[in-house]
Structure formats: C-alpha cells, structure tokens
C-alpha cells in the first residue's frame, strides 16, 4: 500500500466527488492501484475550471480519504473511479509551500524552486513521514486541543519520545471521537458559529460556542454519510434534535420544510419569515443537493 496525493478541483473537468470517488485517466491506474487500502490527501491546484485561464484555486491540501476500490468508467474509455471512504477536511487548508518548506519534497527542485514537471502529475506518491507532517499541519488546531496536558514535548530528553506520539496521532484520525471534533470545528467555522435556521450566534457566559454540527446524511446506522462541510449544518441544540429526527428538512434551494402537525407553534415562530436558512457564501461550503435529497427521502417525516 502507498499513501498519495490526489489532485482535484472545485469545478473539476473530471467527474469527481471527493467524498465518494476520484475520477482519473488510465495513465494513473498503476499508481492508484498501489493506494488501495491506504490513505490519500486531496490537493486543489490553482486552475479550477475547465477553462485553463481560471486560477482561483487554493493551491492547497484540504482533505483526506481512504481508497477502498477501483472500478472502470463505462462511459469514458480508459478512465476509472477510485472509490473512497473516511473523507474528512483539514481544519485549515495547507499551502504546498510555506516559506522554504515543501510538504512534498518531490516538488522542490535542486535549485529550491517548484518542480513544475512533478506538479503536473495529478496522482503523486508521498512518503509516510511527509503524510504524517501533512496531517499534523492540517489538523493542528484539533490536535492541540486534544493533546494531553501532561505531555511536555519541549522538555529535555523527550526529543526521541516525540516520535512515539506521532503514530497514535496519525491513527486517531480514523476514530469517531476525533472525527466528531474535526467536523464540529469545521462546521462552526464555515457558519461563523451561527445557527443556520435562527441566525443566532450562541456563545455562553464562559465564551464557549453552543452551536452544534449536524450531519445532513447521518454517519451512523448504515447511512454512511461523510464528515464533509457540504454534508453539515450549524444548528442550535433544539433544531439539531428536530433535524436528526426528521421533523424538519431542507429543499435544494435551502428552504425549511416542516413535518405537518409535528412542529409546535412556539417552534414555528422561531423560523425565519422566508423559511430560508443562512448558508456560507462560498459554494464549496454550502449543503450539497445529494445530501439534502437523501435527508428528505430517508429521514424526513414530511
């Protein structure tokens, strides 16, 4: 198995859906085969549209996923899909280069500049050590919050022991507790800690945010929803409870739907007059129609 970088775009020329599958041509088939069962990092290049002149991409690593299988694309000759699971966004986008540091050493030329020829490869193998550094940078905020207080990594004599803690840090990203924290962090940031329905920014007296992160397509009970911002909403506790139980849902144009005779009048009065939720301005962070449709078809009692 091999860890790798998969390049994808906001508006891909291939039929990508990073939370579910990665579309690629035959030239990368042997490389992608080596990643089956292992983890990859998604990278967004500067060119994001089908027109090469568009350069509004982040030029950054933004998420991880695990490759589970490869299947042939029966619509386009010599193209394939890599099916993935475990998708999760970093708590910040990581530029491929920060000052003089390249997260992929292969992208650094002998002169210390960017090796553009290597960059043109949409699928690039990455060593375990560099993959670990990407995770530590991408989840830096969450790892800092979860780091045990008694571990003082800067104490004399603990430099070698630091390597011992890297493996558990890498492994814990697959565990539900870590993923829940990362998902909540990303949703709160995308929605500015504001309930999408009421428009209230709920901060308690201690400065702690009380807004919760709701999955649109649930992650448990066989629903297999991803930990993607596009599969999430920032909601107050009451509306999170109602959304999870199908008492309310959303149309594809983000209008609130309510289950008839199941919503108390007091709650009806808390809904916005136009029945539309507040969503992030960035289209890449907005609820995706496929997850909204799943919630209406599978969870909603309306």
Foldseek 3Di string as FASTA:
>chain_A
DFEKEAEAAPAGPDPDDPQWKDKDFLVCVVVVVVQAQHKYWYAYAQQHHPPRVRRNIPQFTWKMWGFHDKDCDPVDPRMIMGTTAQIATFLDTGHCDDDQDGLAPVLQDPVSHGPVVVVVDRMGTGDPVSVLVSNCVRHVVLCVVPPDPPDDCPDPPNVVVVVVVSVVSVVCSSPPVSLLVRLFSNQCVQVVCAAQWQRDNDADPVRHRQWHKAFLQDCDPPSNGYSALLRIGTHHPVVSVCLQQQQWAAAPQQAIDGAPPPDDPVVVVSGDPRRHTDGGPDPRNHHDRVSRVCSVVPRHPD
